[in-house]
Amino acid sequence: MAKKPVNLYIVVPCYNEEEVLYETCRQMRGLLERMKGNGLINDSSRIVFIDDGSKDKTWSIIDELSDKYHEVAGVKLAANAGHQNALYGGLMTVREDCDCTISIDADLQDDINVIPEMVEKFINGCDVVYGVRNKRDTDTFFKRTTAVGFYKLMEKMGVKTVYNHADFRLMSRRALEAFSQYPERNMFLRGMVPTIGYKTDCVYYDRKERFAGESKYPLKKMISFAFDGITSFSINPIRLITGVGAAACVIGIIYGIYAIVQKILGHTAAGWASMVCSIWFLGGLQMISIGLVGEYIGKIYKEVKRRPRYIIEAYKNDKSQDGE
């Protein structure tokens, strides 16, 4: 018995992506046509572009494409909510219209040619399928080194992630429904999705160079993203501070005993340098510790306010031409 074609929605978060949208749409529409021809997906399948408060012509292009092609839909957020919130908003918007979604960035660096393999794995019973990079040859040495360090650090901190996976993944409607029950405002999808617990698998691909435009994740945002990921899922940094504080106390006691013994033996000498170094070291340690604790308190502050993660201004999805 032939399996029923899947209703697939490809969710594409966009922020100032006017330079790539036409090409992204062209390649993805071609992919959908091939998958329809192979009987993998049905005519109701969509490419859904999410405009995350772009400042360029991103929304006008999405609006144009959605008017021109019935398989293209668009969601316009009222303001910039950030990549993770925009992606989450897109997934939640379409979850009741589809059998499964695939999230992918608009820059065409992730290989869309593995999407049929993802859908095949979904048909065979997987609720989540991760797109995983084979290697990082297209990255700079710095980015490659820091990325590897990030994943290792997350593992040490007890955060469950998929190595070399970003936000290119398939999620079934069942997984999306479970995901909708996650109430937190501090979004780190790479750490949240693996906690759902349904059957998962991976597909592997080689990441390409960006088709056009500039990366929306400069060094500052990458560091902020990594820090958010760690502090959103692990309290080990707080425990580390406690351990470092205890070690400093022990060292202080030992040094105090040593100073008393030296005083008794009459070997004391001017200790200006050691005193200044100790003050600066402990002062810096205290400032870092207070800042880290403040980061956790700040996240609690954001959570208890319960403000919406995103606000949708417009949703364009023409279903009038869908097949029966």
C-alpha atoms as a PDB file:
ATOM      1  CA  MET A   1       0.000   0.000   0.000  1.00  0.00           C
ATOM      2  CA  ALA A   2       1.435   3.362  -1.033  1.00  0.00           C
ATOM      3  CA  LYS A   3       2.101   5.855   1.710  1.00  0.00           C
ATOM      4  CA  LYS A   4       0.141   9.099   1.709  1.00  0.00           C
ATOM      5  CA  PRO A   5       2.147  12.157   0.566  1.00  0.00           C
ATOM      6  CA  VAL A   6       3.282  14.403   3.421  1.00  0.00           C
ATOM      7  CA  ASN A   7       2.062  17.945   3.998  1.00  0.00           C
ATOM      8  CA  LEU A   8       5.423  19.665   4.524  1.00  0.00           C
ATOM      9  CA  TYR A   9       5.987  23.257   5.609  1.00  0.00           C
ATOM     10  CA  ILE A  10       9.529  24.640   5.253  1.00  0.00           C
ATOM     11  CA  VAL A  11       9.965  27.477   7.764  1.00  0.00           C
ATOM     12  CA  VAL A  12      12.609  30.072   6.825  1.00  0.00           C
ATOM     13  CA  PRO A  13      13.393  32.869   9.323  1.00  0.00           C
ATOM     14  CA  CYS A  14      14.624  36.024   7.584  1.00  0.00           C
ATOM     15  CA  TYR A  15      16.286  39.190   8.808  1.00  0.00           C
ATOM     16  CA  ASN A  16      17.483  41.627   6.140  1.00  0.00           C
ATOM     17  CA  GLU A  17      17.725  38.881   3.495  1.00  0.00           C
ATOM     18  CA  GLU A  18      16.667  40.806   0.388  1.00  0.00           C
ATOM     19  CA  GLU A  19      19.810  39.727  -1.476  1.00  0.00           C
ATOM     20  CA  VAL A  20      19.079  35.999  -1.227  1.00  0.00           C
ATOM     21  CA  LEU A  21      15.287  35.654  -1.144  1.00  0.00           C
ATOM     22  CA  TYR A  22      14.639  35.316  -4.883  1.00  0.00           C
ATOM     23  CA  GLU A  23      17.297  32.629  -5.278  1.00  0.00           C
ATOM     24  CA  THR A  24      16.226  30.856  -2.085  1.00  0.00           C
ATOM     25  CA  CYS A  25      12.637  30.805  -3.295  1.00  0.00           C
ATOM     26  CA  ARG A  26      13.671  29.546  -6.750  1.00  0.00           C
ATOM     27  CA  GLN A  27      15.724  26.663  -5.374  1.00  0.00           C
ATOM     28  CA  MET A  28      13.156  25.653  -2.764  1.00  0.00           C
ATOM     29  CA  ARG A  29      10.247  25.768  -5.217  1.00  0.00           C
ATOM     30  CA  GLY A  30      12.230  23.518  -7.527  1.00  0.00           C
ATOM     31  CA  LEU A  31      12.827  21.135  -4.634  1.00  0.00           C
ATOM     32  CA  LEU A  32       9.123  21.039  -3.763  1.00  0.00           C
ATOM     33  CA  GLU A  33       8.218  20.261  -7.377  1.00  0.00           C
ATOM     34  CA  ARG A  34      10.659  17.330  -7.461  1.00  0.00           C
ATOM     35  CA  MET A  35       9.346  15.998  -4.161  1.00  0.00           C
ATOM     36  CA  LYS A  36       5.738  16.285  -5.384  1.00  0.00           C
ATOM     37  CA  GLY A  37       6.714  14.411  -8.540  1.00  0.00           C
ATOM     38  CA  ASN A  38       8.215  11.637  -6.410  1.00  0.00           C
ATOM     39  CA  GLY A  39       5.064  11.408  -4.301  1.00  0.00           C
ATOM     40  CA  LEU A  40       6.830  12.463  -1.099  1.00  0.00           C
ATOM     41  CA  ILE A  41       4.771  15.591  -0.421  1.00  0.00           C
ATOM     42  CA  ASN A  42       1.351  16.895  -1.438  1.00  0.00           C
ATOM     43  CA  ASP A  43       0.177  20.085  -3.150  1.00  0.00           C
ATOM     44  CA  SER A  44      -0.597  21.749   0.195  1.00  0.00           C
ATOM     45  CA  SER A  45       3.095  21.885   1.111  1.00  0.00           C
ATOM     46  CA  ARG A  46       4.507  25.357   1.658  1.00  0.00           C
ATOM     47  CA  ILE A  47       7.642  27.467   1.954  1.00  0.00           C
ATOM     48  CA  VAL A  48       6.965  29.916   4.804  1.00  0.00           C
ATOM     49  CA  PHE A  49       9.252  32.937   5.068  1.00  0.00           C
ATOM     50  CA  ILE A  50       9.279  34.625   8.498  1.00  0.00           C
ATOM     51  CA  ASP A  51      10.200  38.314   8.384  1.00  0.00           C
ATOM     52  CA  ASP A  52      11.809  39.101  11.743  1.00  0.00           C
ATOM     53  CA  GLY A  53      11.336  42.875  11.660  1.00  0.00           C
ATOM     54  CA  SER A  54      13.711  43.419   8.727  1.00  0.00           C
ATOM     55  CA  LYS A  55      14.826  46.939   7.849  1.00  0.00           C
ATOM     56  CA  ASP A  56      15.296  46.306   4.137  1.00  0.00           C
ATOM     57  CA  LYS A  57      12.902  45.042   1.434  1.00  0.00           C
ATOM     58  CA  THR A  58      12.612  41.540   2.867  1.00  0.00           C
ATOM     59  CA  TRP A  59       8.874  41.727   3.592  1.00  0.00           C
ATOM     60  CA  SER A  60       7.974  43.382   0.288  1.00  0.00           C
ATOM     61  CA  ILE A  61       9.789  40.568  -1.526  1.00  0.00           C
ATOM     62  CA  ILE A  62       8.033  37.919   0.594  1.00  0.00           C
ATOM     63  CA  ASP A  63       4.723  39.649  -0.117  1.00  0.00           C
ATOM     64  CA  GLU A  64       5.493  39.631  -3.850  1.00  0.00           C
ATOM     65  CA  LEU A  65       6.521  35.964  -3.858  1.00  0.00           C
ATOM     66  CA  SER A  66       3.459  34.871  -1.880  1.00  0.00           C
ATOM     67  CA  ASP A  67       1.202  36.653  -4.397  1.00  0.00           C
ATOM     68  CA  LYS A  68       3.031  35.092  -7.341  1.00  0.00           C
ATOM     69  CA  TYR A  69       3.400  31.496  -6.118  1.00  0.00           C
ATOM     70  CA  HIS A  70       0.670  29.659  -4.226  1.00  0.00           C
ATOM     71  CA  GLU A  71       3.231  27.412  -2.469  1.00  0.00           C
ATOM     72  CA  VAL A  72       4.929  30.436  -0.860  1.00  0.00           C
ATOM     73  CA  ALA A  73       3.555  31.887   2.396  1.00  0.00           C
ATOM     74  CA  GLY A  74       4.781  34.700   4.605  1.00  0.00           C
ATOM     75  CA  VAL A  75       4.650  35.694   8.250  1.00  0.00           C
ATOM     76  CA  LYS A  76       5.530  39.250   9.227  1.00  0.00           C
ATOM     77  CA  LEU A  77       6.490  39.900  12.839  1.00  0.00           C
ATOM     78  CA  ALA A  78       5.592  43.319  14.215  1.00  0.00           C
ATOM     79  CA  ALA A  79       9.142  43.869  15.515  1.00  0.00           C
ATOM     80  CA  ASN A  80      12.516  42.178  15.591  1.00  0.00           C
ATOM     81  CA  ALA A  81      12.158  39.282  18.035  1.00  0.00           C
ATOM     82  CA  GLY A  82      15.514  37.617  17.419  1.00  0.00           C
ATOM     83  CA  HIS A  83      16.330  34.529  15.360  1.00  0.00           C
ATOM     84  CA  GLN A  84      15.246  31.942  17.945  1.00  0.00           C
ATOM     85  CA  ASN A  85      11.944  33.649  18.729  1.00  0.00           C
ATOM     86  CA  ALA A  86      11.213  34.233  15.044  1.00  0.00           C
ATOM     87  CA  LEU A  87      11.863  30.587  14.255  1.00  0.00           C
ATOM     88  CA  TYR A  88       9.727  29.461  17.181  1.00  0.00           C
ATOM     89  CA  GLY A  89       6.952  31.830  16.076  1.00  0.00           C
ATOM     90  CA  GLY A  90       7.016  30.397  12.569  1.00  0.00           C
ATOM     91  CA  LEU A  91       6.848  26.829  13.828  1.00  0.00           C
ATOM     92  CA  MET A  92       3.955  27.593  16.157  1.00  0.00           C
ATOM     93  CA  THR A  93       2.074  29.471  13.423  1.00  0.00           C
ATOM     94  CA  VAL A  94       2.089  26.553  10.972  1.00  0.00           C
ATOM     95  CA  ARG A  95       1.973  23.568  13.317  1.00  0.00           C
ATOM     96  CA  GLU A  96      -1.742  22.906  12.812  1.00  0.00           C
ATOM     97  CA  ASP A  97      -1.528  23.160   9.004  1.00  0.00           C
ATOM     98  CA  CYS A  98       1.160  20.563   8.364  1.00  0.00           C
ATOM     99  CA  ASP A  99       2.278  16.996   8.995  1.00  0.00           C
ATOM    100  CA  CYS A 100       5.831  18.154   9.641  1.00  0.00           C
ATOM    101  CA  THR A 101       8.040  21.216   9.335  1.00  0.00           C
ATOM    102  CA  ILE A 102      11.637  21.749   8.332  1.00  0.00           C
ATOM    103  CA  SER A 103      13.398  24.841   9.643  1.00  0.00           C
ATOM    104  CA  ILE A 104      16.283  26.251   7.615  1.00  0.00           C
ATOM    105  CA  ASP A 105      18.037  29.610   7.268  1.00  0.00           C
ATOM    106  CA  ALA A 106      17.543  31.713   4.148  1.00  0.00           C
ATOM    107  CA  ASP A 107      21.226  31.977   3.196  1.00  0.00           C
ATOM    108  CA  LEU A 108      21.357  28.598   1.345  1.00  0.00           C
ATOM    109  CA  GLN A 109      24.354  27.394   3.344  1.00  0.00           C
ATOM    110  CA  ASP A 110      22.443  24.334   4.548  1.00  0.00           C
ATOM    111  CA  ASP A 111      22.007  21.768   1.786  1.00  0.00           C
ATOM    112  CA  ILE A 112      18.331  21.635   0.780  1.00  0.00           C
ATOM    113  CA  ASN A 113      19.014  18.442  -1.202  1.00  0.00           C
ATOM    114  CA  VAL A 114      18.947  16.378   2.018  1.00  0.00           C
ATOM    115  CA  ILE A 115      15.369  17.493   2.755  1.00  0.00           C
ATOM    116  CA  PRO A 116      13.854  14.495   0.893  1.00  0.00           C
ATOM    117  CA  GLU A 117      15.952  12.204   3.100  1.00  0.00           C
ATOM    118  CA  MET A 118      14.602  13.996   6.165  1.00  0.00           C
ATOM    119  CA  VAL A 119      11.037  13.458   4.958  1.00  0.00           C
ATOM    120  CA  GLU A 120      11.762   9.779   4.298  1.00  0.00           C
ATOM    121  CA  LYS A 121      12.940   9.371   7.879  1.00  0.00           C
ATOM    122  CA  PHE A 122       9.780  11.125   9.091  1.00  0.00           C
ATOM    123  CA  ILE A 123       7.647   8.723   7.029  1.00  0.00           C
ATOM    124  CA  ASN A 124       9.558   5.845   8.634  1.00  0.00           C
ATOM    125  CA  GLY A 125       8.628   7.007  12.130  1.00  0.00           C
ATOM    126  CA  CYS A 126      11.030   9.754  13.241  1.00  0.00           C
ATOM    127  CA  ASP A 127       9.520  12.804  14.940  1.00  0.00           C
ATOM    128  CA  VAL A 128      12.724  14.873  14.849  1.00  0.00           C
ATOM    129  CA  VAL A 129      15.443  14.688  12.186  1.00  0.00           C
ATOM    130  CA  TYR A 130      18.581  16.796  12.655  1.00  0.00           C
ATOM    131  CA  GLY A 131      20.642  18.207   9.816  1.00  0.00           C
ATOM    132  CA  VAL A 132      24.270  17.715  10.854  1.00  0.00           C
ATOM    133  CA  ARG A 133      27.345  19.108   9.159  1.00  0.00           C
ATOM    134  CA  ASN A 134      29.983  16.618   8.031  1.00  0.00           C
ATOM    135  CA  LYS A 135      32.791  19.116   8.486  1.00  0.00           C
ATOM    136  CA  ARG A 136      33.529  22.820   8.933  1.00  0.00           C
ATOM    137  CA  ASP A 137      35.826  23.517   5.988  1.00  0.00           C
ATOM    138  CA  THR A 138      33.880  26.644   5.019  1.00  0.00           C
ATOM    139  CA  ASP A 139      34.426  28.227   8.452  1.00  0.00           C
ATOM    140  CA  THR A 140      37.402  30.345   9.440  1.00  0.00           C
ATOM    141  CA  PHE A 141      39.916  28.771  11.822  1.00  0.00           C
ATOM    142  CA  PHE A 142      38.629  30.980  14.626  1.00  0.00           C
ATOM    143  CA  LYS A 143      34.964  30.112  14.074  1.00  0.00           C
ATOM    144  CA  ARG A 144      35.742  26.408  13.686  1.00  0.00           C
ATOM    145  CA  THR A 145      37.784  26.336  16.894  1.00  0.00           C
ATOM    146  CA  THR A 146      35.260  28.302  18.939  1.00  0.00           C
ATOM    147  CA  ALA A 147      32.361  26.182  17.634  1.00  0.00           C
ATOM    148  CA  VAL A 148      34.076  22.953  18.668  1.00  0.00           C
ATOM    149  CA  GLY A 149      34.885  24.509  22.041  1.00  0.00           C
ATOM    150  CA  PHE A 150      31.250  25.578  22.441  1.00  0.00           C
ATOM    151  CA  TYR A 151      29.866  22.077  21.883  1.00  0.00           C
ATOM    152  CA  LYS A 152      32.431  20.553  24.245  1.00  0.00           C
ATOM    153  CA  LEU A 153      31.669  23.167  26.891  1.00  0.00           C
ATOM    154  CA  MET A 154      27.923  22.544  26.557  1.00  0.00           C
ATOM    155  CA  GLU A 155      28.554  18.831  27.026  1.00  0.00           C
ATOM    156  CA  LYS A 156      30.645  19.482  30.140  1.00  0.00           C
ATOM    157  CA  MET A 157      27.880  21.694  31.514  1.00  0.00           C
ATOM    158  CA  GLY A 158      25.367  18.880  31.114  1.00  0.00           C
ATOM    159  CA  VAL A 159      23.436  20.433  28.204  1.00  0.00           C
ATOM    160  CA  LYS A 160      22.192  17.890  25.653  1.00  0.00           C
ATOM    161  CA  THR A 161      22.902  19.078  22.103  1.00  0.00           C
ATOM    162  CA  VAL A 162      23.589  17.460  18.731  1.00  0.00           C
ATOM    163  CA  TYR A 163      27.199  18.066  17.681  1.00  0.00           C
ATOM    164  CA  ASN A 164      27.564  20.251  14.560  1.00  0.00           C
ATOM    165  CA  HIS A 165      23.820  20.833  14.353  1.00  0.00           C
ATOM    166  CA  ALA A 166      22.372  24.351  14.199  1.00  0.00           C
ATOM    167  CA  ASP A 167      18.665  24.943  13.451  1.00  0.00           C
ATOM    168  CA  PHE A 168      18.281  22.849  10.293  1.00  0.00           C
ATOM    169  CA  ARG A 169      15.850  20.165  11.430  1.00  0.00           C
ATOM    170  CA  LEU A 170      12.577  18.396  10.745  1.00  0.00           C
ATOM    171  CA  MET A 171       9.890  18.259  13.432  1.00  0.00           C
ATOM    172  CA  SER A 172       6.633  16.335  13.214  1.00  0.00           C
ATOM    173  CA  ARG A 173       3.314  17.871  14.215  1.00  0.00           C
ATOM    174  CA  ARG A 174       3.415  15.712  17.342  1.00  0.00           C
ATOM    175  CA  ALA A 175       6.844  17.088  18.252  1.00  0.00           C
ATOM    176  CA  LEU A 176       5.630  20.640  17.586  1.00  0.00           C
ATOM    177  CA  GLU A 177       2.611  20.126  19.847  1.00  0.00           C
ATOM    178  CA  ALA A 178       4.911  18.898  22.611  1.00  0.00           C
ATOM    179  CA  PHE A 179       7.268  21.820  21.958  1.00  0.00           C
ATOM    180  CA  SER A 180       4.394  24.299  22.268  1.00  0.00           C
ATOM    181  CA  GLN A 181       4.122  23.319  25.937  1.00  0.00           C
ATOM    182  CA  TYR A 182       7.552  24.787  26.712  1.00  0.00           C
ATOM    183  CA  PRO A 183       6.775  28.079  28.460  1.00  0.00           C
ATOM    184  CA  GLU A 184      10.213  29.671  28.788  1.00  0.00           C
ATOM    185  CA  ARG A 185      11.057  33.015  27.186  1.00  0.00           C
ATOM    186  CA  ASN A 186      14.818  32.414  27.041  1.00  0.00           C
ATOM    187  CA  MET A 187      14.879  30.446  23.804  1.00  0.00           C
ATOM    188  CA  PHE A 188      17.754  28.119  22.901  1.00  0.00           C
ATOM    189  CA  LEU A 189      16.177  25.705  20.444  1.00  0.00           C
ATOM    190  CA  ARG A 190      19.277  23.561  19.944  1.00  0.00           C
ATOM    191  CA  GLY A 191      19.112  22.596  23.600  1.00  0.00           C
ATOM    192  CA  MET A 192      15.314  22.524  23.929  1.00  0.00           C
ATOM    193  CA  VAL A 193      14.396  20.226  21.022  1.00  0.00           C
ATOM    194  CA  PRO A 194      16.526  17.253  22.206  1.00  0.00           C
ATOM    195  CA  THR A 195      14.621  17.267  25.521  1.00  0.00           C
ATOM    196  CA  ILE A 196      11.304  16.409  23.804  1.00  0.00           C
ATOM    197  CA  GLY A 197      12.248  12.752  23.809  1.00  0.00           C
ATOM    198  CA  TYR A 198      10.546  11.359  20.688  1.00  0.00           C
ATOM    199  CA  LYS A 199      12.329   9.192  18.134  1.00  0.00           C
ATOM    200  CA  THR A 200      15.125  11.088  16.365  1.00  0.00           C
ATOM    201  CA  ASP A 201      17.641  10.567  13.581  1.00  0.00           C
ATOM    202  CA  CYS A 202      20.217  12.599  11.654  1.00  0.00           C
ATOM    203  CA  VAL A 203      21.093  13.382   8.051  1.00  0.00           C
ATOM    204  CA  TYR A 204      24.576  14.575   7.150  1.00  0.00           C
ATOM    205  CA  TYR A 205      25.602  17.191   4.600  1.00  0.00           C
ATOM    206  CA  ASP A 206      28.403  19.550   3.602  1.00  0.00           C
ATOM    207  CA  ARG A 207      27.677  23.175   4.416  1.00  0.00           C
ATOM    208  CA  LYS A 208      28.086  25.652   1.560  1.00  0.00           C
ATOM    209  CA  GLU A 209      29.320  29.214   1.349  1.00  0.00           C
ATOM    210  CA  ARG A 210      26.674  31.874   1.908  1.00  0.00           C
ATOM    211  CA  PHE A 211      24.964  32.678  -1.429  1.00  0.00           C
ATOM    212  CA  ALA A 212      24.889  36.459  -0.834  1.00  0.00           C
ATOM    213  CA  GLY A 213      24.725  39.070   1.898  1.00  0.00           C
ATOM    214  CA  GLU A 214      26.428  39.043   5.282  1.00  0.00           C
ATOM    215  CA  SER A 215      26.201  36.727   8.259  1.00  0.00           C
ATOM    216  CA  LYS A 216      23.652  37.799  10.865  1.00  0.00           C
ATOM    217  CA  TYR A 217      25.806  36.228  13.587  1.00  0.00           C
ATOM    218  CA  PRO A 218      28.960  38.329  14.095  1.00  0.00           C
ATOM    219  CA  LEU A 219      31.353  37.496  16.933  1.00  0.00           C
ATOM    220  CA  LYS A 220      29.434  39.523  19.514  1.00  0.00           C
ATOM    221  CA  LYS A 221      26.158  37.738  18.767  1.00  0.00           C
ATOM    222  CA  MET A 222      27.879  34.344  18.696  1.00  0.00           C
ATOM    223  CA  ILE A 223      29.330  34.897  22.168  1.00  0.00           C
ATOM    224  CA  SER A 224      25.976  36.134  23.461  1.00  0.00           C
ATOM    225  CA  PHE A 225      24.204  33.141  21.903  1.00  0.00           C
ATOM    226  CA  ALA A 226      26.645  30.684  23.471  1.00  0.00           C
ATOM    227  CA  PHE A 227      26.346  32.340  26.872  1.00  0.00           C
ATOM    228  CA  ASP A 228      22.550  32.292  26.645  1.00  0.00           C
ATOM    229  CA  GLY A 229      22.641  28.614  25.761  1.00  0.00           C
ATOM    230  CA  ILE A 230      24.790  27.711  28.750  1.00  0.00           C
ATOM    231  CA  THR A 231      22.919  29.805  31.310  1.00  0.00           C
ATOM    232  CA  SER A 232      19.502  28.738  30.000  1.00  0.00           C
ATOM    233  CA  PHE A 233      20.167  25.044  30.506  1.00  0.00           C
ATOM    234  CA  SER A 234      22.752  24.583  33.228  1.00  0.00           C
ATOM    235  CA  ILE A 235      23.429  25.778  36.762  1.00  0.00           C
ATOM    236  CA  ASN A 236      26.952  24.345  36.661  1.00  0.00           C
ATOM    237  CA  PRO A 237      28.515  27.835  36.270  1.00  0.00           C
ATOM    238  CA  ILE A 238      26.987  28.781  39.638  1.00  0.00           C
ATOM    239  CA  ARG A 239      28.381  25.604  41.147  1.00  0.00           C
ATOM    240  CA  LEU A 240      31.757  26.392  39.596  1.00  0.00           C
ATOM    241  CA  ILE A 241      31.731  29.790  41.306  1.00  0.00           C
ATOM    242  CA  THR A 242      31.042  28.077  44.625  1.00  0.00           C
ATOM    243  CA  GLY A 243      33.967  25.724  44.031  1.00  0.00           C
ATOM    244  CA  VAL A 244      36.309  28.555  43.041  1.00  0.00           C
ATOM    245  CA  GLY A 245      35.203  30.562  46.107  1.00  0.00           C
ATOM    246  CA  ALA A 246      35.875  27.602  48.383  1.00  0.00           C
ATOM    247  CA  ALA A 247      39.306  27.083  46.805  1.00  0.00           C
ATOM    248  CA  ALA A 248      40.118  30.795  47.280  1.00  0.00           C
ATOM    249  CA  CYS A 249      39.151  30.544  50.959  1.00  0.00           C
ATOM    250  CA  VAL A 250      41.406  27.528  51.441  1.00  0.00           C
ATOM    251  CA  ILE A 251      44.300  29.298  49.709  1.00  0.00           C
ATOM    252  CA  GLY A 252      43.641  32.366  51.890  1.00  0.00           C
ATOM    253  CA  ILE A 253      43.771  30.285  55.081  1.00  0.00           C
ATOM    254  CA  ILE A 254      46.994  28.591  53.979  1.00  0.00           C
ATOM    255  CA  TYR A 255      48.527  31.947  53.091  1.00  0.00           C
ATOM    256  CA  GLY A 256      47.396  33.376  56.452  1.00  0.00           C
ATOM    257  CA  ILE A 257      49.076  30.525  58.344  1.00  0.00           C
ATOM    258  CA  TYR A 258      52.207  31.018  56.282  1.00  0.00           C
ATOM    259  CA  ALA A 259      52.231  34.750  57.092  1.00  0.00           C
ATOM    260  CA  ILE A 260      51.860  34.087  60.828  1.00  0.00           C
ATOM    261  CA  VAL A 261      54.710  31.579  60.785  1.00  0.00           C
ATOM    262  CA  GLN A 262      56.923  34.046  58.896  1.00  0.00           C
ATOM    263  CA  LYS A 263      56.050  36.745  61.420  1.00  0.00           C
ATOM    264  CA  ILE A 264      57.049  34.514  64.324  1.00  0.00           C
ATOM    265  CA  LEU A 265      60.325  33.607  62.633  1.00  0.00           C
ATOM    266  CA  GLY A 266      61.034  37.249  61.889  1.00  0.00           C
ATOM    267  CA  HIS A 267      61.206  36.759  58.138  1.00  0.00           C
ATOM    268  CA  THR A 268      58.510  39.258  57.190  1.00  0.00           C
ATOM    269  CA  ALA A 269      59.189  41.675  54.373  1.00  0.00           C
ATOM    270  CA  ALA A 270      57.254  44.324  52.488  1.00  0.00           C
ATOM    271  CA  GLY A 271      54.468  42.566  50.568  1.00  0.00           C
ATOM    272  CA  TRP A 272      52.989  45.350  48.513  1.00  0.00           C
ATOM    273  CA  ALA A 273      53.093  43.446  45.208  1.00  0.00           C
ATOM    274  CA  SER A 274      51.496  40.277  46.574  1.00  0.00           C
ATOM    275  CA  MET A 275      48.810  42.315  48.353  1.00  0.00           C
ATOM    276  CA  VAL A 276      47.891  44.313  45.248  1.00  0.00           C
ATOM    277  CA  CYS A 277      47.795  41.161  43.093  1.00  0.00           C
ATOM    278  CA  SER A 278      45.582  39.418  45.625  1.00  0.00           C
ATOM    279  CA  ILE A 279      43.184  42.368  45.820  1.00  0.00           C
ATOM    280  CA  TRP A 280      42.900  42.678  42.051  1.00  0.00           C
ATOM    281  CA  PHE A 281      42.488  38.930  41.556  1.00  0.00           C
ATOM    282  CA  LEU A 282      39.830  38.486  44.228  1.00  0.00           C
ATOM    283  CA  GLY A 283      38.081  41.717  43.198  1.00  0.00           C
ATOM    284  CA  GLY A 284      37.912  40.576  39.582  1.00  0.00           C
ATOM    285  CA  LEU A 285      36.689  37.147  40.650  1.00  0.00           C
ATOM    286  CA  GLN A 286      33.949  38.712  42.727  1.00  0.00           C
ATOM    287  CA  MET A 287      32.838  40.972  39.877  1.00  0.00           C
ATOM    288  CA  ILE A 288      32.665  38.027  37.459  1.00  0.00           C
ATOM    289  CA  SER A 289      30.735  36.003  40.020  1.00  0.00           C
ATOM    290  CA  ILE A 290      28.246  38.792  40.658  1.00  0.00           C
ATOM    291  CA  GLY A 291      27.799  39.273  36.914  1.00  0.00           C
ATOM    292  CA  LEU A 292      27.136  35.583  36.373  1.00  0.00           C
ATOM    293  CA  VAL A 293      24.633  35.423  39.209  1.00  0.00           C
ATOM    294  CA  GLY A 294      23.044  38.565  37.769  1.00  0.00           C
ATOM    295  CA  GLU A 295      22.684  36.814  34.410  1.00  0.00           C
ATOM    296  CA  TYR A 296      20.613  34.090  36.020  1.00  0.00           C
ATOM    297  CA  ILE A 297      18.548  36.640  37.944  1.00  0.00           C
ATOM    298  CA  GLY A 298      17.975  38.540  34.696  1.00  0.00           C
ATOM    299  CA  LYS A 299      16.641  35.392  33.045  1.00  0.00           C
ATOM    300  CA  ILE A 300      14.279  34.859  35.960  1.00  0.00           C
ATOM    301  CA  TYR A 301      13.153  38.474  35.560  1.00  0.00           C
ATOM    302  CA  LYS A 302      12.353  37.903  31.885  1.00  0.00           C
ATOM    303  CA  GLU A 303      10.482  34.696  32.628  1.00  0.00           C
ATOM    304  CA  VAL A 304       8.243  36.077  35.361  1.00  0.00           C
ATOM    305  CA  LYS A 305       7.134  39.040  33.223  1.00  0.00           C
ATOM    306  CA  ARG A 306       5.605  36.565  30.737  1.00  0.00           C
ATOM    307  CA  ARG A 307       5.764  38.978  27.825  1.00  0.00           C
ATOM    308  CA  PRO A 308       4.966  37.480  24.395  1.00  0.00           C
ATOM    309  CA  ARG A 309       7.943  36.050  22.546  1.00  0.00           C
ATOM    310  CA  TYR A 310       6.739  37.566  19.277  1.00  0.00           C
ATOM    311  CA  ILE A 311       3.754  39.408  17.791  1.00  0.00           C
ATOM    312  CA  ILE A 312       2.498  38.532  14.307  1.00  0.00           C
ATOM    313  CA  GLU A 313       1.504  41.494  12.165  1.00  0.00           C
ATOM    314  CA  ALA A 314       0.505  39.537   9.050  1.00  0.00           C
ATOM    315  CA  TYR A 315       0.234  35.927   7.839  1.00  0.00           C
ATOM    316  CA  LYS A 316      -0.180  35.327   4.103  1.00  0.00           C
ATOM    317  CA  ASN A 317      -1.013  31.739   3.149  1.00  0.00           C
ATOM    318  CA  ASP A 318      -3.162  31.188   0.059  1.00  0.00           C
ATOM    319  CA  LYS A 319      -4.859  27.800   0.363  1.00  0.00           C
ATOM    320  CA  SER A 320      -7.326  28.378  -2.443  1.00  0.00           C
ATOM    321  CA  GLN A 321      -5.153  26.521  -4.995  1.00  0.00           C
ATOM    322  CA  ASP A 322      -4.384  23.485  -2.869  1.00  0.00           C
ATOM    323  CA  GLY A 323      -5.109  20.103  -4.380  1.00  0.00           C
ATOM    324  CA  GLU A 324      -7.683  17.821  -2.876  1.00  0.00           C
END
